[in-house]
Amino acid sequence: MQPSSFGFQPGNGAGRDAFGCQHHGLADDAHIAGGHIDFFRKGSRAGAPGLVETPASDRGFLAGISLAGDHHRRIFSQHHSRLHEFDANSVYLWRFDEDYKADLQGSFDFILMEVSTASLDIMAEEADARGVTELRQTVAEVDPLLGGLVRSLFSTMVPKAGYKVAPHNTLLADELCTAVAIHLVHHYGNGRFGSTDRRRRLSERQETRSKEILDASPCGTGIETLAGETGMSGRAFIEAFRETVGMTPHRWATRRMIEKAQSLLGRAGLSPVAVGKACGFADLIEFEQAFRNATGLGPADWQRASRS
């Protein structure tokens, strides 16, 4: 996948959104354009918005996942209706070419994923899937893997000027978008999937060049940039890098950032806050977590131990 171009749009505060929800009732109303999938965060502390209606269109497919339990909705069809209970990580998936009408009640904290038909074709090709023409419709199916991926994606976003946000770590956000796309195609797609026995590796030149790019900008480099150096798709590059190096590009870049941090922490006069910032971490909390995961110690403890 090629999801390096991220955009954000806050809700406009008036009227209804593209899914039938009133903007003014939403505490969370964000849109991230992540490659072939548009991600939307929709949430309200006051509870679900009640009746929503979306007329049929040619927009493709919509997957939604509830981040909280205690959500329920009655979905209306032409001749009957049915009540569905949602736990945390419960997924619904439907086609935009059908009218949608539902009465939403209880909690309301969702991440939505809109996929056009054209995008699904590209996602299927890059996921080594053949004959994928649709995503399987489902309601209230629990999918903890998808829930973890989209939560992690939105956690990479940090506030910028005004109401805008952007991914602090573009590389991680790209990998997560790629993983979401592959999961949607493989778990909900109706096609045939290629063999996973083929293990493509980077050439020595490709490996060296990829590492040079990551060293120069470990957080700001996108998968599209790295894949472009090899002529591969985003997914193919991630798999080839992992097969060659033994870890994903993001993990390798994080390890290099930790190595740089260890070197800087050994110098007199540099605080963990200054070191974390110099190494590209979003804040001290992210730096401490990554450093502790890698070394077993927090940066301040490691600094004291290295000087004793």
C-alpha atoms as a PDB file:
ATOM      1  CA  MET A   1       0.000   0.000   0.000  1.00  0.00           C
ATOM      2  CA  GLN A   2       1.095   3.593  -0.463  1.00  0.00           C
ATOM      3  CA  PRO A   3      -0.420   5.494   2.482  1.00  0.00           C
ATOM      4  CA  SER A   4       2.201   8.221   3.031  1.00  0.00           C
ATOM      5  CA  SER A   5      -0.110  11.167   2.308  1.00  0.00           C
ATOM      6  CA  PHE A   6      -2.116  11.992   5.424  1.00  0.00           C
ATOM      7  CA  GLY A   7      -4.742  14.678   5.760  1.00  0.00           C
ATOM      8  CA  PHE A   8      -7.038  15.732   8.582  1.00  0.00           C
ATOM      9  CA  GLN A   9     -10.379  17.503   8.616  1.00  0.00           C
ATOM     10  CA  PRO A  10     -12.268  18.418  11.791  1.00  0.00           C
ATOM     11  CA  GLY A  11     -16.041  18.346  11.801  1.00  0.00           C
ATOM     12  CA  ASN A  12     -17.621  21.550  10.558  1.00  0.00           C
ATOM     13  CA  GLY A  13     -19.953  21.861  13.549  1.00  0.00           C
ATOM     14  CA  ALA A  14     -23.185  22.080  11.570  1.00  0.00           C
ATOM     15  CA  GLY A  15     -25.449  19.786   9.594  1.00  0.00           C
ATOM     16  CA  ARG A  16     -24.952  16.073   9.057  1.00  0.00           C
ATOM     17  CA  ASP A  17     -21.813  14.269   8.022  1.00  0.00           C
ATOM     18  CA  ALA A  18     -21.481  11.835   5.104  1.00  0.00           C
ATOM     19  CA  PHE A  19     -22.772   8.998   7.317  1.00  0.00           C
ATOM     20  CA  GLY A  20     -25.908  10.687   8.606  1.00  0.00           C
ATOM     21  CA  CYS A  21     -24.622  11.874  12.018  1.00  0.00           C
ATOM     22  CA  GLN A  22     -25.220  15.404  13.304  1.00  0.00           C
ATOM     23  CA  HIS A  23     -21.861  17.206  13.553  1.00  0.00           C
ATOM     24  CA  HIS A  24     -22.865  19.216  16.612  1.00  0.00           C
ATOM     25  CA  GLY A  25     -23.394  16.052  18.661  1.00  0.00           C
ATOM     26  CA  LEU A  26     -19.892  14.684  18.056  1.00  0.00           C
ATOM     27  CA  ALA A  27     -17.084  15.248  20.549  1.00  0.00           C
ATOM     28  CA  ASP A  28     -14.688  13.366  18.267  1.00  0.00           C
ATOM     29  CA  ASP A  29     -15.027  14.073  14.556  1.00  0.00           C
ATOM     30  CA  ALA A  30     -11.769  13.506  12.676  1.00  0.00           C
ATOM     31  CA  HIS A  31     -10.845  12.338   9.183  1.00  0.00           C
ATOM     32  CA  ILE A  32      -7.480  10.870   8.169  1.00  0.00           C
ATOM     33  CA  ALA A  33      -6.840  10.185   4.493  1.00  0.00           C
ATOM     34  CA  GLY A  34      -4.487   7.219   4.737  1.00  0.00           C
ATOM     35  CA  GLY A  35      -3.679   5.972   1.261  1.00  0.00           C
ATOM     36  CA  HIS A  36      -6.434   3.719  -0.086  1.00  0.00           C
ATOM     37  CA  ILE A  37      -8.596   3.987   3.050  1.00  0.00           C
ATOM     38  CA  ASP A  38     -10.292   7.033   4.551  1.00  0.00           C
ATOM     39  CA  PHE A  39     -10.376   6.751   8.351  1.00  0.00           C
ATOM     40  CA  PHE A  40     -12.944   8.614  10.442  1.00  0.00           C
ATOM     41  CA  ARG A  41     -13.130   8.954  14.214  1.00  0.00           C
ATOM     42  CA  LYS A  42     -16.710   9.479  15.411  1.00  0.00           C
ATOM     43  CA  GLY A  43     -17.545   9.726  19.083  1.00  0.00           C
ATOM     44  CA  SER A  44     -19.906  11.399  21.522  1.00  0.00           C
ATOM     45  CA  ARG A  45     -19.751  11.582  25.317  1.00  0.00           C
ATOM     46  CA  ALA A  46     -23.515  12.114  25.298  1.00  0.00           C
ATOM     47  CA  GLY A  47     -24.148   8.719  23.714  1.00  0.00           C
ATOM     48  CA  ALA A  48     -25.236   7.510  20.303  1.00  0.00           C
ATOM     49  CA  PRO A  49     -26.931   9.978  17.920  1.00  0.00           C
ATOM     50  CA  GLY A  50     -30.193   8.068  17.458  1.00  0.00           C
ATOM     51  CA  LEU A  51     -31.589   7.655  13.969  1.00  0.00           C
ATOM     52  CA  VAL A  52     -29.078   7.844  11.098  1.00  0.00           C
ATOM     53  CA  GLU A  53     -29.795   7.401   7.410  1.00  0.00           C
ATOM     54  CA  THR A  54     -27.361   7.119   4.487  1.00  0.00           C
ATOM     55  CA  PRO A  55     -28.828   6.972   0.971  1.00  0.00           C
ATOM     56  CA  ALA A  56     -27.388   4.509  -1.543  1.00  0.00           C
ATOM     57  CA  SER A  57     -24.386   5.718  -3.542  1.00  0.00           C
ATOM     58  CA  ASP A  58     -21.383   4.442  -5.462  1.00  0.00           C
ATOM     59  CA  ARG A  59     -18.869   5.155  -2.663  1.00  0.00           C
ATOM     60  CA  GLY A  60     -17.880   1.500  -2.204  1.00  0.00           C
ATOM     61  CA  PHE A  61     -17.700  -0.080   1.255  1.00  0.00           C
ATOM     62  CA  LEU A  62     -17.718   1.029   4.889  1.00  0.00           C
ATOM     63  CA  ALA A  63     -16.233  -0.832   7.844  1.00  0.00           C
ATOM     64  CA  GLY A  64     -16.861   0.478  11.327  1.00  0.00           C
ATOM     65  CA  ILE A  65     -15.464  -0.747  14.640  1.00  0.00           C
ATOM     66  CA  SER A  66     -16.746   0.156  18.093  1.00  0.00           C
ATOM     67  CA  LEU A  67     -13.999   1.138  20.533  1.00  0.00           C
ATOM     68  CA  ALA A  68     -16.338   0.660  23.491  1.00  0.00           C
ATOM     69  CA  GLY A  69     -18.959  -1.818  24.585  1.00  0.00           C
ATOM     70  CA  ASP A  70     -22.607  -1.107  25.398  1.00  0.00           C
ATOM     71  CA  HIS A  71     -23.501   0.076  21.920  1.00  0.00           C
ATOM     72  CA  HIS A  72     -26.595  -1.254  20.216  1.00  0.00           C
ATOM     73  CA  ARG A  73     -28.372  -0.409  17.009  1.00  0.00           C
ATOM     74  CA  ARG A  74     -31.565  -1.445  15.296  1.00  0.00           C
ATOM     75  CA  ILE A  75     -30.971  -1.781  11.561  1.00  0.00           C
ATOM     76  CA  PHE A  76     -33.973  -1.362   9.305  1.00  0.00           C
ATOM     77  CA  SER A  77     -34.447  -3.139   5.997  1.00  0.00           C
ATOM     78  CA  GLN A  78     -37.383  -2.880   3.611  1.00  0.00           C
ATOM     79  CA  HIS A  79     -39.676  -5.275   5.477  1.00  0.00           C
ATOM     80  CA  HIS A  80     -38.191  -5.792   8.955  1.00  0.00           C
ATOM     81  CA  SER A  81     -35.654  -4.586  11.510  1.00  0.00           C
ATOM     82  CA  ARG A  82     -33.147  -6.312  13.775  1.00  0.00           C
ATOM     83  CA  LEU A  83     -31.396  -5.234  16.979  1.00  0.00           C
ATOM     84  CA  HIS A  84     -27.623  -5.813  17.242  1.00  0.00           C
ATOM     85  CA  GLU A  85     -25.474  -5.559  20.383  1.00  0.00           C
ATOM     86  CA  PHE A  86     -21.884  -4.304  20.037  1.00  0.00           C
ATOM     87  CA  ASP A  87     -19.021  -5.126  22.379  1.00  0.00           C
ATOM     88  CA  ALA A  88     -15.634  -3.407  22.203  1.00  0.00           C
ATOM     89  CA  ASN A  89     -13.945  -4.251  18.872  1.00  0.00           C
ATOM     90  CA  SER A  90     -17.247  -5.248  17.254  1.00  0.00           C
ATOM     91  CA  VAL A  91     -17.225  -4.620  13.499  1.00  0.00           C
ATOM     92  CA  TYR A  92     -19.962  -3.825  11.034  1.00  0.00           C
ATOM     93  CA  LEU A  93     -19.330  -3.800   7.296  1.00  0.00           C
ATOM     94  CA  TRP A  94     -21.790  -2.820   4.576  1.00  0.00           C
ATOM     95  CA  ARG A  95     -22.007  -1.640   0.984  1.00  0.00           C
ATOM     96  CA  PHE A  96     -22.780   1.955   0.097  1.00  0.00           C
ATOM     97  CA  ASP A  97     -24.920   0.880  -2.859  1.00  0.00           C
ATOM     98  CA  GLU A  98     -27.699  -0.013  -0.406  1.00  0.00           C
ATOM     99  CA  ASP A  99     -29.751   2.452   1.652  1.00  0.00           C
ATOM    100  CA  TYR A 100     -28.776   2.331   5.321  1.00  0.00           C
ATOM    101  CA  LYS A 101     -31.092   3.236   8.170  1.00  0.00           C
ATOM    102  CA  ALA A 102     -30.415   2.469  11.823  1.00  0.00           C
ATOM    103  CA  ASP A 103     -31.361   3.656  15.288  1.00  0.00           C
ATOM    104  CA  LEU A 104     -28.123   3.961  17.302  1.00  0.00           C
ATOM    105  CA  GLN A 105     -28.269   3.831  21.110  1.00  0.00           C
ATOM    106  CA  GLY A 106     -25.909   3.431  24.066  1.00  0.00           C
ATOM    107  CA  SER A 107     -22.233   4.351  23.843  1.00  0.00           C
ATOM    108  CA  PHE A 108     -20.853   5.884  20.672  1.00  0.00           C
ATOM    109  CA  ASP A 109     -17.114   5.671  19.994  1.00  0.00           C
ATOM    110  CA  PHE A 110     -16.283   4.398  16.509  1.00  0.00           C
ATOM    111  CA  ILE A 111     -13.552   4.390  13.924  1.00  0.00           C
ATOM    112  CA  LEU A 112     -14.909   4.111  10.379  1.00  0.00           C
ATOM    113  CA  MET A 113     -12.986   2.977   7.290  1.00  0.00           C
ATOM    114  CA  GLU A 114     -14.296   3.932   3.860  1.00  0.00           C
ATOM    115  CA  VAL A 115     -12.947   1.988   0.868  1.00  0.00           C
ATOM    116  CA  SER A 116     -13.903   2.833  -2.701  1.00  0.00           C
ATOM    117  CA  THR A 117     -14.277   0.078  -5.294  1.00  0.00           C
ATOM    118  CA  ALA A 118     -11.180   1.351  -7.100  1.00  0.00           C
ATOM    119  CA  SER A 119      -9.185   1.344  -3.864  1.00  0.00           C
ATOM    120  CA  LEU A 120     -10.320  -2.193  -3.077  1.00  0.00           C
ATOM    121  CA  ASP A 121      -8.936  -3.346  -6.431  1.00  0.00           C
ATOM    122  CA  ILE A 122      -5.537  -1.831  -5.608  1.00  0.00           C
ATOM    123  CA  MET A 123      -5.561  -3.177  -2.053  1.00  0.00           C
ATOM    124  CA  ALA A 124      -6.370  -6.679  -3.317  1.00  0.00           C
ATOM    125  CA  GLU A 125      -3.582  -6.587  -5.885  1.00  0.00           C
ATOM    126  CA  GLU A 126      -1.010  -5.481  -3.330  1.00  0.00           C
ATOM    127  CA  ALA A 127      -2.301  -8.081  -0.838  1.00  0.00           C
ATOM    128  CA  ASP A 128      -1.695 -10.818  -3.456  1.00  0.00           C
ATOM    129  CA  ALA A 129      -5.426 -11.549  -3.683  1.00  0.00           C
ATOM    130  CA  ARG A 130      -7.305 -12.420  -6.861  1.00  0.00           C
ATOM    131  CA  GLY A 131     -10.976 -12.036  -7.687  1.00  0.00           C
ATOM    132  CA  VAL A 132     -11.823  -9.696  -4.807  1.00  0.00           C
ATOM    133  CA  THR A 133     -14.968  -7.841  -5.820  1.00  0.00           C
ATOM    134  CA  GLU A 134     -16.425  -7.007  -2.414  1.00  0.00           C
ATOM    135  CA  LEU A 135     -15.953  -7.046   1.328  1.00  0.00           C
ATOM    136  CA  ARG A 136     -18.191  -9.443   3.228  1.00  0.00           C
ATOM    137  CA  GLN A 137     -21.080  -7.744   5.008  1.00  0.00           C
ATOM    138  CA  THR A 138     -21.222  -8.380   8.727  1.00  0.00           C
ATOM    139  CA  VAL A 139     -22.712  -6.843  11.870  1.00  0.00           C
ATOM    140  CA  ALA A 140     -21.278  -6.939  15.427  1.00  0.00           C
ATOM    141  CA  GLU A 141     -18.477  -9.401  14.599  1.00  0.00           C
ATOM    142  CA  VAL A 142     -15.674  -9.059  17.168  1.00  0.00           C
ATOM    143  CA  ASP A 143     -12.284  -8.349  15.569  1.00  0.00           C
ATOM    144  CA  PRO A 144      -9.661  -7.458  18.204  1.00  0.00           C
ATOM    145  CA  LEU A 145      -6.831  -7.388  15.657  1.00  0.00           C
ATOM    146  CA  LEU A 146      -8.509  -4.676  13.603  1.00  0.00           C
ATOM    147  CA  GLY A 147      -9.375  -2.799  16.796  1.00  0.00           C
ATOM    148  CA  GLY A 148      -5.756  -2.790  17.910  1.00  0.00           C
ATOM    149  CA  LEU A 149      -4.518  -1.609  14.521  1.00  0.00           C
ATOM    150  CA  VAL A 150      -6.872   1.371  14.185  1.00  0.00           C
ATOM    151  CA  ARG A 151      -6.346   2.421  17.808  1.00  0.00           C
ATOM    152  CA  SER A 152      -2.603   2.412  17.194  1.00  0.00           C
ATOM    153  CA  LEU A 153      -3.055   4.409  13.989  1.00  0.00           C
ATOM    154  CA  PHE A 154      -4.959   7.212  15.695  1.00  0.00           C
ATOM    155  CA  SER A 155      -2.471   7.203  18.584  1.00  0.00           C
ATOM    156  CA  THR A 156       0.272   8.221  16.106  1.00  0.00           C
ATOM    157  CA  MET A 157      -1.507  11.515  15.450  1.00  0.00           C
ATOM    158  CA  VAL A 158      -0.334  14.582  17.361  1.00  0.00           C
ATOM    159  CA  PRO A 159      -1.834  18.107  17.505  1.00  0.00           C
ATOM    160  CA  LYS A 160      -0.488  20.784  15.193  1.00  0.00           C
ATOM    161  CA  ALA A 161      -1.422  24.441  14.760  1.00  0.00           C
ATOM    162  CA  GLY A 162      -5.103  25.213  15.153  1.00  0.00           C
ATOM    163  CA  TYR A 163      -7.311  22.135  14.930  1.00  0.00           C
ATOM    164  CA  LYS A 164      -5.054  20.064  12.688  1.00  0.00           C
ATOM    165  CA  VAL A 165      -3.245  16.841  13.526  1.00  0.00           C
ATOM    166  CA  ALA A 166      -0.625  14.817  11.679  1.00  0.00           C
ATOM    167  CA  PRO A 167       1.243  11.574  12.284  1.00  0.00           C
ATOM    168  CA  HIS A 168       4.323  12.163  14.403  1.00  0.00           C
ATOM    169  CA  ASN A 169       5.812   8.979  13.016  1.00  0.00           C
ATOM    170  CA  THR A 170       4.911   8.679   9.330  1.00  0.00           C
ATOM    171  CA  LEU A 171       6.718   5.360   9.007  1.00  0.00           C
ATOM    172  CA  LEU A 172       4.668   3.733  11.773  1.00  0.00           C
ATOM    173  CA  ALA A 173       1.419   5.226  10.445  1.00  0.00           C
ATOM    174  CA  ASP A 174       2.207   3.852   6.977  1.00  0.00           C
ATOM    175  CA  GLU A 175       2.873   0.373   8.330  1.00  0.00           C
ATOM    176  CA  LEU A 176      -0.392   0.438  10.263  1.00  0.00           C
ATOM    177  CA  CYS A 177      -2.398   1.583   7.211  1.00  0.00           C
ATOM    178  CA  THR A 178      -0.826  -1.232   5.215  1.00  0.00           C
ATOM    179  CA  ALA A 179      -1.687  -3.769   7.910  1.00  0.00           C
ATOM    180  CA  VAL A 180      -5.311  -2.570   8.067  1.00  0.00           C
ATOM    181  CA  ALA A 181      -5.688  -2.827   4.286  1.00  0.00           C
ATOM    182  CA  ILE A 182      -4.248  -6.350   4.174  1.00  0.00           C
ATOM    183  CA  HIS A 183      -6.456  -7.450   7.066  1.00  0.00           C
ATOM    184  CA  LEU A 184      -9.623  -6.091   5.464  1.00  0.00           C
ATOM    185  CA  VAL A 185      -8.860  -7.847   2.168  1.00  0.00           C
ATOM    186  CA  HIS A 186      -7.814 -11.167   3.698  1.00  0.00           C
ATOM    187  CA  HIS A 187     -10.432 -11.385   6.435  1.00  0.00           C
ATOM    188  CA  TYR A 188     -13.445  -9.854   4.693  1.00  0.00           C
ATOM    189  CA  GLY A 189     -12.628 -10.102   0.979  1.00  0.00           C
ATOM    190  CA  ASN A 190     -14.278 -12.704  -1.249  1.00  0.00           C
ATOM    191  CA  GLY A 191     -11.252 -13.575  -3.396  1.00  0.00           C
ATOM    192  CA  ARG A 192      -8.464 -16.129  -3.613  1.00  0.00           C
ATOM    193  CA  PHE A 193      -5.172 -15.490  -1.909  1.00  0.00           C
ATOM    194  CA  GLY A 194      -1.699 -16.236  -3.199  1.00  0.00           C
ATOM    195  CA  SER A 195       0.835 -18.481  -1.508  1.00  0.00           C
ATOM    196  CA  THR A 196       2.778 -17.009   1.411  1.00  0.00           C
ATOM    197  CA  ASP A 197       5.708 -19.352   0.745  1.00  0.00           C
ATOM    198  CA  ARG A 198       7.525 -16.877  -1.504  1.00  0.00           C
ATOM    199  CA  ARG A 199      10.060 -14.927   0.523  1.00  0.00           C
ATOM    200  CA  ARG A 200      11.392 -11.918  -1.323  1.00  0.00           C
ATOM    201  CA  ARG A 201      14.517 -10.269   0.025  1.00  0.00           C
ATOM    202  CA  LEU A 202      16.179  -6.934  -0.584  1.00  0.00           C
ATOM    203  CA  SER A 203      19.391  -6.865  -2.539  1.00  0.00           C
ATOM    204  CA  GLU A 204      22.476  -5.626  -0.709  1.00  0.00           C
ATOM    205  CA  ARG A 205      22.210  -2.298  -2.519  1.00  0.00           C
ATOM    206  CA  GLN A 206      18.501  -1.957  -1.690  1.00  0.00           C
ATOM    207  CA  GLU A 207      19.103  -2.788   1.964  1.00  0.00           C
ATOM    208  CA  THR A 208      21.924  -0.261   2.249  1.00  0.00           C
ATOM    209  CA  ARG A 209      19.933   2.474   0.551  1.00  0.00           C
ATOM    210  CA  SER A 210      16.826   1.822   2.659  1.00  0.00           C
ATOM    211  CA  LYS A 211      18.834   2.051   5.867  1.00  0.00           C
ATOM    212  CA  GLU A 212      20.466   5.279   4.711  1.00  0.00           C
ATOM    213  CA  ILE A 213      17.052   6.847   4.124  1.00  0.00           C
ATOM    214  CA  LEU A 214      15.754   5.653   7.497  1.00  0.00           C
ATOM    215  CA  ASP A 215      18.848   6.918   9.315  1.00  0.00           C
ATOM    216  CA  ALA A 216      18.404  10.345   7.753  1.00  0.00           C
ATOM    217  CA  SER A 217      14.735  10.664   8.793  1.00  0.00           C
ATOM    218  CA  PRO A 218      13.516   7.774  10.965  1.00  0.00           C
ATOM    219  CA  CYS A 219      10.110   9.272  11.797  1.00  0.00           C
ATOM    220  CA  GLY A 220       9.448  11.356   8.692  1.00  0.00           C
ATOM    221  CA  THR A 221      10.130   8.739   6.023  1.00  0.00           C
ATOM    222  CA  GLY A 222       7.095   7.073   4.456  1.00  0.00           C
ATOM    223  CA  ILE A 223       6.823   3.574   3.084  1.00  0.00           C
ATOM    224  CA  GLU A 224       6.106   5.066  -0.344  1.00  0.00           C
ATOM    225  CA  THR A 225       9.550   6.678  -0.387  1.00  0.00           C
ATOM    226  CA  LEU A 226      11.289   3.475   0.645  1.00  0.00           C
ATOM    227  CA  ALA A 227       9.291   1.266  -1.709  1.00  0.00           C
ATOM    228  CA  GLY A 228       9.969   3.662  -4.575  1.00  0.00           C
ATOM    229  CA  GLU A 229      13.690   2.997  -4.232  1.00  0.00           C
ATOM    230  CA  THR A 230      13.081  -0.706  -4.866  1.00  0.00           C
ATOM    231  CA  GLY A 231      10.217  -0.654  -7.365  1.00  0.00           C
ATOM    232  CA  MET A 232       8.038  -2.645  -4.962  1.00  0.00           C
ATOM    233  CA  SER A 233       4.601  -2.021  -3.536  1.00  0.00           C
ATOM    234  CA  GLY A 234       4.484  -0.830   0.061  1.00  0.00           C
ATOM    235  CA  ARG A 235       3.412  -4.215   1.358  1.00  0.00           C
ATOM    236  CA  ALA A 236       6.074  -6.057  -0.677  1.00  0.00           C
ATOM    237  CA  PHE A 237       8.778  -3.713   0.607  1.00  0.00           C
ATOM    238  CA  ILE A 238       7.787  -4.166   4.263  1.00  0.00           C
ATOM    239  CA  GLU A 239       7.857  -7.947   3.877  1.00  0.00           C
ATOM    240  CA  ALA A 240      11.171  -7.920   1.967  1.00  0.00           C
ATOM    241  CA  PHE A 241      12.764  -5.639   4.557  1.00  0.00           C
ATOM    242  CA  ARG A 242      11.552  -7.850   7.392  1.00  0.00           C
ATOM    243  CA  GLU A 243      12.797 -10.986   5.633  1.00  0.00           C
ATOM    244  CA  THR A 244      16.210  -9.397   5.000  1.00  0.00           C
ATOM    245  CA  VAL A 245      16.772  -7.497   8.241  1.00  0.00           C
ATOM    246  CA  GLY A 246      14.684  -9.523  10.677  1.00  0.00           C
ATOM    247  CA  MET A 247      12.308  -6.726  11.662  1.00  0.00           C
ATOM    248  CA  THR A 248       9.994  -4.141  10.095  1.00  0.00           C
ATOM    249  CA  PRO A 249      11.360  -0.770   8.927  1.00  0.00           C
ATOM    250  CA  HIS A 250       9.737   0.950  11.906  1.00  0.00           C
ATOM    251  CA  ARG A 251      11.301  -1.438  14.417  1.00  0.00           C
ATOM    252  CA  TRP A 252      14.710  -1.053  12.798  1.00  0.00           C
ATOM    253  CA  ALA A 253      14.425   2.745  12.786  1.00  0.00           C
ATOM    254  CA  THR A 254      13.347   2.727  16.445  1.00  0.00           C
ATOM    255  CA  ARG A 255      16.343   0.579  17.370  1.00  0.00           C
ATOM    256  CA  ARG A 256      18.656   3.075  15.661  1.00  0.00           C
ATOM    257  CA  MET A 257      16.991   5.924  17.555  1.00  0.00           C
ATOM    258  CA  ILE A 258      17.598   4.069  20.824  1.00  0.00           C
ATOM    259  CA  GLU A 259      21.252   3.482  19.909  1.00  0.00           C
ATOM    260  CA  LYS A 260      21.647   7.204  19.236  1.00  0.00           C
ATOM    261  CA  ALA A 261      19.933   7.988  22.538  1.00  0.00           C
ATOM    262  CA  GLN A 262      22.314   5.719  24.439  1.00  0.00           C
ATOM    263  CA  SER A 263      25.254   7.548  22.902  1.00  0.00           C
ATOM    264  CA  LEU A 264      23.843  10.953  23.804  1.00  0.00           C
ATOM    265  CA  LEU A 265      22.881   9.913  27.340  1.00  0.00           C
ATOM    266  CA  GLY A 266      26.508   9.076  27.968  1.00  0.00           C
ATOM    267  CA  ARG A 267      27.484  12.709  27.464  1.00  0.00           C
ATOM    268  CA  ALA A 268      27.564  15.085  30.413  1.00  0.00           C
ATOM    269  CA  GLY A 269      24.949  17.798  30.561  1.00  0.00           C
ATOM    270  CA  LEU A 270      22.255  16.211  28.376  1.00  0.00           C
ATOM    271  CA  SER A 271      18.929  15.460  30.051  1.00  0.00           C
ATOM    272  CA  PRO A 272      16.620  12.623  28.960  1.00  0.00           C
ATOM    273  CA  VAL A 273      14.155  15.253  27.720  1.00  0.00           C
ATOM    274  CA  ALA A 274      16.772  16.831  25.454  1.00  0.00           C
ATOM    275  CA  VAL A 275      18.007  13.442  24.261  1.00  0.00           C
ATOM    276  CA  GLY A 276      14.526  12.186  23.409  1.00  0.00           C
ATOM    277  CA  LYS A 277      13.813  15.328  21.404  1.00  0.00           C
ATOM    278  CA  ALA A 278      17.162  15.111  19.591  1.00  0.00           C
ATOM    279  CA  CYS A 279      16.447  11.505  18.613  1.00  0.00           C
ATOM    280  CA  GLY A 280      13.024  12.253  17.163  1.00  0.00           C
ATOM    281  CA  PHE A 281      10.630  10.975  19.817  1.00  0.00           C
ATOM    282  CA  ALA A 282       7.314  12.812  20.118  1.00  0.00           C
ATOM    283  CA  ASP A 283       7.654  13.425  23.859  1.00  0.00           C
ATOM    284  CA  LEU A 284       9.319  12.110  26.997  1.00  0.00           C
ATOM    285  CA  ILE A 285       6.598   9.501  27.574  1.00  0.00           C
ATOM    286  CA  GLU A 286       7.135   7.932  24.144  1.00  0.00           C
ATOM    287  CA  PHE A 287      10.918   8.064  24.609  1.00  0.00           C
ATOM    288  CA  GLU A 288      10.783   6.439  28.049  1.00  0.00           C
ATOM    289  CA  GLN A 289       8.479   3.664  26.849  1.00  0.00           C
ATOM    290  CA  ALA A 290      10.578   2.839  23.787  1.00  0.00           C
ATOM    291  CA  PHE A 291      13.837   3.014  25.743  1.00  0.00           C
ATOM    292  CA  ARG A 292      12.528   0.791  28.536  1.00  0.00           C
ATOM    293  CA  ASN A 293      11.198  -1.748  26.027  1.00  0.00           C
ATOM    294  CA  ALA A 294      14.629  -1.921  24.389  1.00  0.00           C
ATOM    295  CA  THR A 295      16.914  -1.861  27.431  1.00  0.00           C
ATOM    296  CA  GLY A 296      14.810  -2.788  30.461  1.00  0.00           C
ATOM    297  CA  LEU A 297      15.586   0.590  32.068  1.00  0.00           C
ATOM    298  CA  GLY A 298      14.217   4.085  31.741  1.00  0.00           C
ATOM    299  CA  PRO A 299      16.588   6.604  30.142  1.00  0.00           C
ATOM    300  CA  ALA A 300      17.344   8.387  33.438  1.00  0.00           C
ATOM    301  CA  ASP A 301      18.138   5.098  35.198  1.00  0.00           C
ATOM    302  CA  TRP A 302      20.264   3.944  32.253  1.00  0.00           C
ATOM    303  CA  GLN A 303      22.132   7.262  32.280  1.00  0.00           C
ATOM    304  CA  ARG A 304      22.925   6.952  35.985  1.00  0.00           C
ATOM    305  CA  ALA A 305      23.989   3.324  35.619  1.00  0.00           C
ATOM    306  CA  SER A 306      26.271   4.111  32.670  1.00  0.00           C
ATOM    307  CA  ARG A 307      28.115   6.741  34.700  1.00  0.00           C
ATOM    308  CA  SER A 308      28.560   4.703  37.862  1.00  0.00           C
END
